[in-house]
Amino acid sequence: MRTRDSSRASPSQRPTSRIPFGVGARFDRLRRRARGAPPNQASSSSTPRSVPIPHLPHLHRQTPQPASSPPKSNPPAPTNRDAYIAALEARMRQMEKVPTSSFYHSYAGEFDTLLTVDRRAVRSLSEFETSTRVENAYRNRYANILSNERTRVKLQEIAPGGNDYINANFVTGHCRHPGYIATQAPLPETTPHFWQMVYESVSPVIIMLTREQEDFCEVVKSDQYWPPTGENLLFHDYLVHGIDEKVDTQRGLIERYFQVGRVVDKRKKHARDLVHADSLIPPASDSSVWETPARGRTQTVCDDDQYDCSDEELFRNLELIGPVLDVVQLQYLDWPDQNVPAHPRTLLDLCQRVDEILSAHYLKTTVSAPPIVHCSAGVGRTGTFIAIDRTLRRLWDAFSQGISPEPVPVEEIRELVRQLKNERSKMVQTAEQYRFIFEAVLAGMRSWCQGKALFGSQPYSRDPNSCNGNNIPTVKQRPANQDG
């Protein structure tokens, strides 16, 4: 049996060469502190001191450092069209790179920071107060796509104590532009509310960015809420008459023309109580809207058994209680759900066509009315289109006279999407859609440089001071990108 060798040296007798440099001095200081001695007082213990490190010149030689370059600063914002295109191209190249130090400097990273607006809205109890009421559940196409309380559209002509809710929000436009109404595709139960909103907002154009049913998908994205050409549909108090339809396969666009009027069955008792208030809607350009038999109607029109409710008898007793509104529907077919168009060219043509209709409506009526934009949910494709259209209008106003009096930073695109999300949650749903906004704006600016005007010169408002800069997104200053 092995026994411990008692002849082994005690710790105090061990060679000092085995103690690393500096360790003995550290223990010496701790021992003095434990005994209450001043730190600088020498200890009377026999603890060996550390051997001082000799001065070795080759170890203390300074390594030459490269000359410090000045910190990168954000480039000045462009003030003319060509400078803006160059700045936008540079920013797009920057976000195309795989980031080396910051995920933020990419399309996906930048879009992820914008999603915080949606997450914050979901946590707010009052943000969707009306949308989440039980009685309004059937008026939402999707349970997770709701209307923000602060900007939601409210139906005007309702019974006392009635429900004014529709899944739609007002979106701010640029300067003289009247803005937009972003909404979901109408459901069969909400189609009367949709046409009531069209009539009350005096909107001359409906922009439909979806097909009724996508390819290889059984889910209905939008119900057909309009009548065929030459026929009528009656929704509660609103009669919609189909006038014409034109198909443009090159631009992937269908144009439909309607007339919308508010009517009442003059046999009803409440018809005598209606007040014919003045309206901004112009007179109808075609009186045939009241001569075509109805294709269908809602059940609430004929809720009294004492009246003959056949189509012929009903239309003989309909009375127009307001002017007729001419409406153009533009259905864009080349935009798949949760995706982007193959090329922005046809979408830019759609923006120009919308501008032509708004300009013609203003010249005819001097009424500045917002276009109504919807896809299926009213947030993804709808938000992307509004972001593109509003950005191009901002650039058109800024650079149409040559040099902008104020610089226009390309970061305004990011802040515009942030503003859209504050006005209607989940606008622009994917990073791919966010990237397409930049591509479409760049394509529009290049087309402008080649001589094709973005928009007409006709303003939408008689107020020359309507563009005061309050609705221009404020760009938050961020550190310059160090990734190159």
Protein backbone atom coordinates (compact mmCIF):
# COMPACT_ATOMS: atom_id res chain seq x y z
CA MET A 1 0.00 0.00 0.00
CA ARG A 2 1.37 3.35 -1.09
CA THR A 3 1.75 6.02 1.55
CA ARG A 4 2.07 9.73 1.13
CA ASP A 5 5.67 10.83 1.04
CA SER A 6 6.19 12.93 4.15
CA SER A 7 9.46 14.21 2.78
CA ARG A 8 7.67 16.35 0.16
CA ALA A 9 8.54 20.02 0.39
CA SER A 10 6.12 22.38 2.07
CA PRO A 11 4.57 25.17 -0.01
CA SER A 12 6.96 27.68 1.45
CA GLN A 13 9.95 25.53 0.46
CA ARG A 14 8.92 24.95 -3.16
CA PRO A 15 11.09 26.54 -5.82
CA THR A 16 10.07 30.03 -6.71
CA SER A 17 10.68 29.36 -10.38
CA ARG A 18 7.38 27.43 -10.54
CA ILE A 19 5.34 30.49 -9.54
CA PRO A 20 4.22 32.36 -12.68
CA PHE A 21 5.16 35.98 -13.11
CA GLY A 22 2.86 38.27 -11.14
CA VAL A 23 1.04 35.58 -9.15
CA GLY A 24 3.16 35.94 -6.02
CA ALA A 25 2.65 39.69 -5.91
CA ARG A 26 -1.11 39.23 -6.25
CA PHE A 27 -1.24 36.75 -3.35
CA ASP A 28 0.98 39.05 -1.32
CA ARG A 29 -1.47 41.91 -1.71
CA LEU A 30 -4.42 39.71 -0.73
CA ARG A 31 -2.62 38.45 2.35
CA ARG A 32 -1.76 41.96 3.49
CA ARG A 33 -5.37 43.07 2.96
CA ALA A 34 -6.64 40.12 5.06
CA ARG A 35 -4.31 41.00 7.93
CA GLY A 36 -5.41 44.66 7.90
CA ALA A 37 -2.09 45.99 6.71
CA PRO A 38 -1.97 48.92 4.34
CA PRO A 39 -1.79 47.82 0.70
CA ASN A 40 1.59 49.45 0.13
CA GLN A 41 3.17 48.06 3.33
CA ALA A 42 5.63 45.23 2.87
CA SER A 43 4.54 41.91 4.30
CA SER A 44 6.64 40.11 6.87
CA SER A 45 5.70 36.74 5.48
CA SER A 46 8.19 34.69 3.67
CA THR A 47 6.06 34.45 0.54
CA PRO A 48 8.42 34.67 -2.39
CA ARG A 49 8.10 37.77 -4.52
CA SER A 50 7.56 37.64 -8.20
CA VAL A 51 10.48 38.07 -10.50
CA PRO A 52 10.25 41.35 -12.46
CA ILE A 53 9.77 40.97 -16.18
CA PRO A 54 12.84 42.13 -18.03
CA HIS A 55 12.51 44.89 -20.57
CA LEU A 56 12.49 43.31 -24.03
CA PRO A 57 12.47 45.95 -26.78
CA HIS A 58 11.15 43.61 -29.46
CA LEU A 59 8.03 42.89 -27.35
CA HIS A 60 7.22 46.57 -26.83
CA ARG A 61 7.60 47.56 -30.44
CA GLN A 62 4.57 49.48 -31.67
CA THR A 63 2.76 48.00 -34.67
CA PRO A 64 2.14 50.70 -37.27
CA GLN A 65 -1.59 51.49 -37.57
CA PRO A 66 -3.26 52.58 -40.83
CA ALA A 67 -4.29 56.19 -41.08
CA SER A 68 -7.82 56.65 -39.71
CA SER A 69 -10.30 57.48 -42.44
CA PRO A 70 -13.01 60.06 -41.76
CA PRO A 71 -16.39 58.54 -40.73
CA LYS A 72 -18.89 58.01 -43.49
CA SER A 73 -21.77 60.44 -43.56
CA ASN A 74 -25.16 60.23 -45.19
CA PRO A 75 -25.05 61.65 -48.73
CA PRO A 76 -27.04 64.82 -49.34
CA ALA A 77 -30.62 64.31 -50.47
CA PRO A 78 -31.16 64.90 -54.20
CA THR A 79 -32.87 68.02 -55.48
CA ASN A 80 -33.37 67.04 -59.15
CA ARG A 81 -34.65 64.09 -61.10
CA ASP A 82 -31.33 62.64 -62.29
CA ALA A 83 -29.76 62.89 -58.85
CA TYR A 84 -32.76 61.13 -57.33
CA ILE A 85 -32.48 58.25 -59.81
CA ALA A 86 -28.77 57.88 -59.01
CA ALA A 87 -29.47 57.94 -55.26
CA LEU A 88 -32.29 55.42 -55.61
CA GLU A 89 -30.13 53.06 -57.68
CA ALA A 90 -27.34 53.30 -55.10
CA ARG A 91 -29.73 52.49 -52.28
CA MET A 92 -31.19 49.53 -54.14
CA ARG A 93 -27.68 48.17 -54.80
CA GLN A 94 -26.95 48.59 -51.12
CA MET A 95 -30.01 46.60 -50.08
CA GLU A 96 -29.34 43.90 -52.68
CA LYS A 97 -26.04 42.99 -51.00
CA VAL A 98 -25.83 40.33 -48.35
CA PRO A 99 -25.32 42.41 -45.19
CA THR A 100 -22.03 41.80 -43.38
CA SER A 101 -22.68 43.60 -40.12
CA SER A 102 -26.31 44.71 -40.04
CA PHE A 103 -29.43 42.88 -41.15
CA TYR A 104 -31.17 46.24 -41.32
CA HIS A 105 -29.41 47.21 -44.57
CA SER A 106 -31.43 44.81 -46.73
CA TYR A 107 -34.98 44.68 -48.08
CA ALA A 108 -36.00 41.95 -45.64
CA GLY A 109 -34.29 43.64 -42.70
CA GLU A 110 -35.73 47.06 -43.41
CA PHE A 111 -39.19 45.60 -43.92
CA ASP A 112 -38.90 43.69 -40.65
CA THR A 113 -38.42 46.97 -38.79
CA LEU A 114 -41.63 48.27 -40.38
CA LEU A 115 -43.57 45.27 -39.11
CA THR A 116 -43.20 46.63 -35.59
CA VAL A 117 -45.97 49.09 -36.46
CA ASP A 118 -48.35 46.17 -37.09
CA ARG A 119 -47.26 44.37 -33.94
CA ARG A 120 -47.79 47.49 -31.84
CA ALA A 121 -51.28 47.99 -33.28
CA VAL A 122 -52.31 44.43 -32.39
CA ARG A 123 -51.34 45.01 -28.75
CA SER A 124 -53.51 48.13 -28.56
CA LEU A 125 -56.98 47.46 -27.19
CA SER A 126 -58.54 50.56 -28.75
CA GLU A 127 -56.97 50.31 -32.23
CA PHE A 128 -59.72 48.03 -33.59
CA GLU A 129 -62.53 48.78 -31.17
CA THR A 130 -65.37 48.85 -33.72
CA SER A 131 -63.96 46.11 -35.96
CA THR A 132 -63.84 43.56 -33.15
CA ARG A 133 -67.45 43.95 -32.05
CA VAL A 134 -69.50 40.81 -32.35
CA GLU A 135 -72.12 42.42 -34.57
CA ASN A 136 -69.42 43.40 -37.08
CA ALA A 137 -67.76 39.99 -37.41
CA TYR A 138 -69.66 39.13 -40.60
CA ARG A 139 -68.54 42.39 -42.20
CA ASN A 140 -64.86 41.37 -42.15
CA ARG A 141 -63.69 39.10 -44.95
CA TYR A 142 -60.71 37.94 -42.88
CA ALA A 143 -60.72 37.78 -39.10
CA ASN A 144 -57.17 39.17 -38.81
CA ILE A 145 -57.60 42.08 -41.26
CA LEU A 146 -59.41 44.84 -39.40
CA SER A 147 -60.07 48.54 -39.82
CA ASN A 148 -58.08 50.97 -37.67
CA GLU A 149 -60.38 53.04 -35.52
CA ARG A 150 -58.76 56.44 -36.10
CA THR A 151 -59.02 56.39 -39.91
CA ARG A 152 -61.93 54.07 -40.60
CA VAL A 153 -64.64 55.06 -43.08
CA LYS A 154 -68.06 55.57 -41.52
CA LEU A 155 -71.27 55.07 -43.45
CA GLN A 156 -73.38 58.22 -43.32
CA GLU A 157 -76.96 57.41 -44.31
CA ILE A 158 -77.98 54.91 -41.66
CA ALA A 159 -81.02 54.56 -39.44
CA PRO A 160 -80.85 56.06 -35.95
CA GLY A 161 -78.81 53.71 -33.82
CA GLY A 162 -77.71 51.80 -36.93
CA ASN A 163 -74.33 50.35 -37.72
CA ASP A 164 -71.90 52.60 -39.63
CA TYR A 165 -69.08 50.04 -39.89
CA ILE A 166 -67.37 48.97 -43.11
CA ASN A 167 -63.90 47.45 -43.36
CA ALA A 168 -62.26 50.47 -45.02
CA ASN A 169 -59.83 53.24 -44.10
CA PHE A 170 -58.95 56.67 -45.38
CA VAL A 171 -55.32 56.94 -46.51
CA THR A 172 -53.61 60.31 -46.80
CA GLY A 173 -52.71 61.54 -50.28
CA HIS A 174 -49.88 63.81 -51.34
CA CYS A 175 -50.62 67.54 -51.34
CA ARG A 176 -53.54 68.28 -53.67
CA HIS A 177 -54.35 64.60 -54.20
CA PRO A 178 -57.57 63.70 -52.34
CA GLY A 179 -56.06 60.55 -50.84
CA TYR A 180 -57.38 57.00 -51.08
CA ILE A 181 -59.92 54.67 -49.54
CA ALA A 182 -58.36 51.25 -48.89
CA THR A 183 -60.88 48.47 -48.37
CA GLN A 184 -61.43 44.75 -48.66
CA ALA A 185 -63.19 43.03 -51.54
CA PRO A 186 -66.95 43.15 -50.87
CA LEU A 187 -68.71 40.08 -49.51
CA PRO A 188 -72.29 39.26 -50.55
CA GLU A 189 -73.42 40.60 -47.17
CA THR A 190 -71.37 43.80 -47.43
CA THR A 191 -71.95 44.72 -51.10
CA PRO A 192 -74.75 47.20 -50.19
CA HIS A 193 -72.36 48.88 -47.75
CA PHE A 194 -69.68 49.04 -50.43
CA TRP A 195 -71.86 50.83 -52.98
CA GLN A 196 -73.15 53.14 -50.27
CA MET A 197 -69.52 54.08 -49.51
CA VAL A 198 -68.84 54.67 -53.22
CA TYR A 199 -71.87 56.93 -53.50
CA GLU A 200 -71.26 58.88 -50.29
CA SER A 201 -67.56 59.44 -51.03
CA VAL A 202 -68.41 60.60 -54.59
CA SER A 203 -65.56 58.42 -55.83
CA PRO A 204 -65.29 58.27 -59.63
CA VAL A 205 -63.00 55.21 -59.83
CA ILE A 206 -62.70 51.78 -58.20
CA ILE A 207 -59.30 50.07 -58.49
CA MET A 208 -59.66 46.30 -58.21
CA LEU A 209 -56.27 44.57 -57.90
CA THR A 210 -57.42 40.96 -57.80
CA ARG A 211 -59.29 38.38 -59.82
CA GLU A 212 -62.51 36.96 -58.49
CA GLN A 213 -60.67 33.66 -58.05
CA GLU A 214 -56.93 33.08 -58.40
CA ASP A 215 -55.54 30.35 -60.65
CA PHE A 216 -55.17 26.97 -58.96
CA CYS A 217 -56.97 28.26 -55.88
CA GLU A 218 -60.48 27.39 -54.80
CA VAL A 219 -60.77 30.30 -52.38
CA VAL A 220 -62.90 33.16 -53.68
CA LYS A 221 -60.84 36.34 -53.47
CA SER A 222 -63.66 38.69 -54.43
CA ASP A 223 -67.34 38.26 -55.14
CA GLN A 224 -68.78 39.84 -58.28
CA TYR A 225 -70.35 42.91 -56.78
CA TRP A 226 -71.23 44.64 -60.08
CA PRO A 227 -73.96 44.03 -62.69
CA PRO A 228 -73.23 42.86 -66.24
CA THR A 229 -73.43 45.36 -69.06
CA GLY A 230 -76.99 46.53 -69.67
CA GLU A 231 -78.37 45.18 -66.40
CA ASN A 232 -79.17 46.55 -62.95
CA LEU A 233 -78.52 45.43 -59.41
CA LEU A 234 -80.43 46.90 -56.50
CA PHE A 235 -78.74 46.91 -53.10
CA HIS A 236 -80.98 48.30 -50.39
CA ASP A 237 -81.33 51.95 -51.41
CA TYR A 238 -78.68 51.95 -54.16
CA LEU A 239 -79.22 50.99 -57.77
CA VAL A 240 -76.16 50.09 -59.89
CA HIS A 241 -76.45 50.01 -63.66
CA GLY A 242 -73.82 48.43 -65.92
CA ILE A 243 -73.10 50.59 -68.99
CA ASP A 244 -70.06 49.19 -70.80
CA GLU A 245 -67.00 46.95 -70.49
CA LYS A 246 -63.63 47.12 -72.27
CA VAL A 247 -60.83 44.55 -72.09
CA ASP A 248 -57.18 45.52 -72.65
CA THR A 249 -55.15 42.30 -72.76
CA GLN A 250 -51.82 44.07 -73.33
CA ARG A 251 -52.10 45.95 -70.05
CA GLY A 252 -54.00 43.19 -68.25
CA LEU A 253 -56.83 45.60 -67.53
CA ILE A 254 -60.64 45.51 -67.69
CA GLU A 255 -62.55 48.80 -67.61
CA ARG A 256 -66.18 48.73 -66.58
CA TYR A 257 -68.52 51.72 -66.51
CA PHE A 258 -71.41 52.06 -64.08
CA GLN A 259 -73.97 54.52 -62.84
CA VAL A 260 -74.97 54.55 -59.19
CA GLY A 261 -78.06 56.25 -57.78
CA ARG A 262 -79.95 56.32 -54.52
CA VAL A 263 -83.59 55.31 -54.86
CA VAL A 264 -86.61 54.61 -52.71
CA ASP A 265 -89.89 52.82 -53.22
CA LYS A 266 -92.33 55.72 -53.30
CA ARG A 267 -95.08 53.47 -51.95
CA LYS A 268 -93.23 53.26 -48.64
CA LYS A 269 -94.41 55.53 -45.86
CA HIS A 270 -90.92 56.78 -45.05
CA ALA A 271 -90.46 58.09 -48.58
CA ARG A 272 -92.42 61.23 -47.66
CA ASP A 273 -89.96 61.96 -44.85
CA LEU A 274 -86.85 61.97 -47.01
CA VAL A 275 -85.11 65.32 -47.35
CA HIS A 276 -83.63 66.07 -50.78
CA ALA A 277 -80.37 67.59 -49.61
CA ASP A 278 -77.99 69.28 -52.03
CA SER A 279 -75.38 66.91 -53.41
CA LEU A 280 -72.00 67.32 -55.06
CA ILE A 281 -72.68 64.45 -57.43
CA PRO A 282 -73.20 65.64 -61.03
CA PRO A 283 -76.34 64.81 -63.01
CA ALA A 284 -76.36 61.51 -64.88
CA SER A 285 -75.02 61.50 -68.41
CA ASP A 286 -77.32 58.65 -69.43
CA SER A 287 -80.92 58.41 -68.23
CA SER A 288 -81.25 54.78 -69.34
CA VAL A 289 -80.27 53.66 -65.85
CA TRP A 290 -83.91 53.82 -64.84
CA GLU A 291 -85.30 51.99 -67.88
CA THR A 292 -83.55 48.62 -67.61
CA PRO A 293 -85.25 45.82 -65.61
CA ALA A 294 -83.48 44.75 -62.44
CA ARG A 295 -81.35 41.59 -62.46
CA GLY A 296 -81.58 41.12 -58.71
CA ARG A 297 -82.37 42.87 -55.46
CA THR A 298 -81.97 42.43 -51.75
CA GLN A 299 -84.70 41.04 -49.52
CA THR A 300 -85.08 44.21 -47.47
CA VAL A 301 -86.49 46.15 -50.43
CA CYS A 302 -89.68 44.12 -50.47
CA ASP A 303 -90.35 43.47 -46.81
CA ASP A 304 -94.03 44.42 -46.97
CA ASP A 305 -96.49 41.85 -48.28
CA GLN A 306 -99.10 44.47 -49.11
CA TYR A 307 -97.01 45.62 -52.10
CA ASP A 308 -96.40 43.86 -55.39
CA CYS A 309 -92.67 43.13 -55.33
CA SER A 310 -92.13 41.86 -58.85
CA ASP A 311 -89.26 43.47 -60.79
CA GLU A 312 -91.56 45.36 -63.14
CA GLU A 313 -93.80 46.69 -60.42
CA LEU A 314 -90.88 47.57 -58.19
CA PHE A 315 -89.08 49.60 -60.83
CA ARG A 316 -92.24 51.45 -61.77
CA ASN A 317 -92.40 52.69 -58.21
CA LEU A 318 -88.72 53.52 -57.65
CA GLU A 319 -88.03 57.16 -57.14
CA LEU A 320 -84.62 58.78 -57.51
CA ILE A 321 -83.80 60.85 -54.42
CA GLY A 322 -80.39 62.13 -55.47
CA PRO A 323 -78.16 62.67 -58.48
CA VAL A 324 -76.50 59.79 -60.31
CA LEU A 325 -72.79 59.09 -59.96
CA ASP A 326 -70.69 57.88 -62.93
CA VAL A 327 -68.12 55.30 -61.77
CA VAL A 328 -65.29 53.53 -63.62
CA GLN A 329 -63.97 50.22 -62.31
CA LEU A 330 -60.40 49.28 -63.29
CA GLN A 331 -59.71 45.58 -62.68
CA TYR A 332 -56.00 44.79 -62.88
CA LEU A 333 -55.46 41.07 -63.62
CA ASP A 334 -51.66 40.65 -63.61
CA TRP A 335 -51.05 40.71 -59.86
CA PRO A 336 -51.11 37.33 -58.06
CA ASP A 337 -52.00 37.19 -54.39
CA GLN A 338 -49.06 37.54 -51.96
CA ASN A 339 -46.82 38.30 -54.95
CA VAL A 340 -45.87 41.08 -57.37
CA PRO A 341 -46.46 41.71 -61.09
CA ALA A 342 -43.89 40.40 -63.54
CA HIS A 343 -42.99 43.94 -64.62
CA PRO A 344 -43.98 47.36 -63.25
CA ARG A 345 -44.77 48.78 -66.71
CA THR A 346 -48.45 47.76 -66.75
CA LEU A 347 -48.91 48.96 -63.17
CA LEU A 348 -47.51 52.36 -64.12
CA ASP A 349 -50.07 52.47 -66.95
CA LEU A 350 -52.76 51.81 -64.34
CA CYS A 351 -51.52 54.76 -62.24
CA GLN A 352 -51.76 57.03 -65.29
CA ARG A 353 -55.26 55.81 -66.12
CA VAL A 354 -56.41 56.53 -62.57
CA ASP A 355 -54.93 60.02 -62.86
CA GLU A 356 -56.87 60.64 -66.09
CA ILE A 357 -60.17 59.64 -64.48
CA LEU A 358 -59.58 61.78 -61.38
CA SER A 359 -58.61 64.77 -63.51
CA ALA A 360 -61.69 64.40 -65.74
CA HIS A 361 -63.92 64.09 -62.67
CA TYR A 362 -62.46 67.23 -61.13
CA LEU A 363 -62.81 69.25 -64.35
CA LYS A 364 -66.44 68.17 -64.62
CA THR A 365 -67.52 68.61 -61.01
CA THR A 366 -64.76 70.60 -59.21
CA VAL A 367 -65.03 67.86 -56.56
CA SER A 368 -61.82 66.31 -55.23
CA ALA A 369 -62.82 62.71 -54.48
CA PRO A 370 -60.61 59.78 -53.42
CA PRO A 371 -60.24 56.63 -55.50
CA ILE A 372 -61.32 53.38 -53.86
CA VAL A 373 -58.63 50.66 -53.89
CA HIS A 374 -59.17 47.03 -52.96
CA CYS A 375 -57.63 43.63 -53.55
CA SER A 376 -58.91 40.70 -51.49
CA ALA A 377 -57.97 41.67 -47.94
CA GLY A 378 -57.28 45.29 -48.83
CA VAL A 379 -53.77 45.50 -47.38
CA GLY A 380 -51.07 43.71 -49.42
CA ARG A 381 -51.56 44.64 -53.05
CA THR A 382 -53.64 47.63 -52.03
CA GLY A 383 -50.89 49.06 -49.84
CA THR A 384 -48.22 48.40 -52.46
CA PHE A 385 -50.19 50.19 -55.17
CA ILE A 386 -50.91 53.20 -52.95
CA ALA A 387 -47.24 53.42 -51.93
CA ILE A 388 -46.13 53.42 -55.58
CA ASP A 389 -48.77 55.86 -56.76
CA ARG A 390 -48.24 58.30 -53.91
CA THR A 391 -44.43 58.21 -54.19
CA LEU A 392 -44.57 58.94 -57.92
CA ARG A 393 -46.97 61.82 -57.31
CA ARG A 394 -44.61 63.21 -54.69
CA LEU A 395 -41.68 63.04 -57.16
CA TRP A 396 -43.80 64.49 -59.96
CA ASP A 397 -44.71 67.50 -57.82
CA ALA A 398 -41.12 67.91 -56.64
CA PHE A 399 -39.25 67.61 -59.95
CA SER A 400 -41.78 68.63 -62.61
CA GLN A 401 -40.41 72.18 -62.50
CA GLY A 402 -36.79 71.02 -62.73
CA ILE A 403 -35.09 71.65 -59.36
CA SER A 404 -36.96 70.89 -56.18
CA PRO A 405 -36.89 73.74 -53.63
CA GLU A 406 -36.36 71.11 -50.93
CA PRO A 407 -34.29 67.91 -51.09
CA VAL A 408 -36.17 64.63 -51.55
CA PRO A 409 -34.40 61.76 -49.75
CA VAL A 410 -34.98 58.23 -51.03
CA GLU A 411 -35.62 57.17 -47.42
CA GLU A 412 -39.07 58.75 -47.77
CA ILE A 413 -40.25 55.47 -49.31
CA ARG A 414 -39.56 53.63 -46.06
CA GLU A 415 -41.29 56.29 -43.98
CA LEU A 416 -44.26 56.35 -46.35
CA VAL A 417 -44.83 52.61 -45.82
CA ARG A 418 -44.59 53.23 -42.08
CA GLN A 419 -47.27 55.92 -42.40
CA LEU A 420 -49.52 53.61 -44.44
CA LYS A 421 -49.30 50.96 -41.74
CA ASN A 422 -50.30 53.54 -39.15
CA GLU A 423 -53.40 54.41 -41.17
CA ARG A 424 -54.38 50.83 -42.07
CA SER A 425 -52.57 47.95 -40.42
CA LYS A 426 -50.65 45.36 -42.48
CA MET A 427 -50.45 47.53 -45.58
CA VAL A 428 -47.68 46.00 -47.77
CA GLN A 429 -47.57 42.44 -46.49
CA THR A 430 -44.30 40.95 -47.76
CA ALA A 431 -40.68 41.97 -48.24
CA GLU A 432 -41.07 41.14 -51.93
CA GLN A 433 -43.86 43.70 -52.22
CA TYR A 434 -41.70 46.22 -50.37
CA ARG A 435 -38.91 45.62 -52.85
CA PHE A 436 -41.31 46.00 -55.77
CA ILE A 437 -42.17 49.52 -54.59
CA PHE A 438 -38.54 50.56 -55.20
CA GLU A 439 -38.46 48.81 -58.58
CA ALA A 440 -41.69 50.44 -59.74
CA VAL A 441 -40.62 53.91 -58.60
CA LEU A 442 -37.29 53.53 -60.40
CA ALA A 443 -39.05 52.30 -63.57
CA GLY A 444 -41.42 55.26 -63.43
CA MET A 445 -38.59 57.76 -63.04
CA ARG A 446 -36.63 56.22 -65.91
CA SER A 447 -39.73 56.32 -68.10
CA TRP A 448 -40.13 59.98 -67.20
CA CYS A 449 -36.55 60.67 -68.26
CA GLN A 450 -37.34 59.07 -71.63
CA GLY A 451 -40.09 61.59 -72.23
CA LYS A 452 -43.18 59.83 -70.90
CA ALA A 453 -44.95 62.00 -68.33
CA LEU A 454 -46.02 60.33 -65.13
CA PHE A 455 -49.19 62.32 -64.56
CA GLY A 456 -51.16 65.19 -66.02
CA SER A 457 -50.78 68.78 -64.98
CA GLN A 458 -54.38 69.23 -63.79
CA PRO A 459 -54.55 69.70 -60.00
CA TYR A 460 -57.19 68.00 -57.88
CA SER A 461 -57.94 70.96 -55.66
CA ARG A 462 -58.73 74.61 -56.17
CA ASP A 463 -56.69 75.51 -53.10
CA PRO A 464 -53.14 76.43 -54.21
CA ASN A 465 -51.93 76.23 -50.61
CA SER A 466 -53.17 72.68 -50.05
CA CYS A 467 -49.61 71.33 -50.33
CA ASN A 468 -48.06 72.59 -47.12
CA GLY A 469 -45.71 69.69 -46.43
CA ASN A 470 -47.69 68.33 -43.50
CA ASN A 471 -48.43 65.06 -45.31
CA ILE A 472 -44.85 64.46 -46.47
CA PRO A 473 -43.30 61.55 -44.52
CA THR A 474 -40.58 62.66 -42.10
CA VAL A 475 -37.33 60.80 -42.64
CA LYS A 476 -35.66 59.68 -39.43
CA GLN A 477 -31.89 60.08 -39.54
CA ARG A 478 -30.02 56.82 -39.17
CA PRO A 479 -26.29 56.07 -39.02
CA ALA A 480 -24.58 55.73 -42.34
CA ASN A 481 -24.16 52.18 -43.64
CA GLN A 482 -20.72 50.78 -42.90
CA ASP A 483 -21.22 47.70 -45.07
CA GLY A 484 -20.53 49.55 -48.29
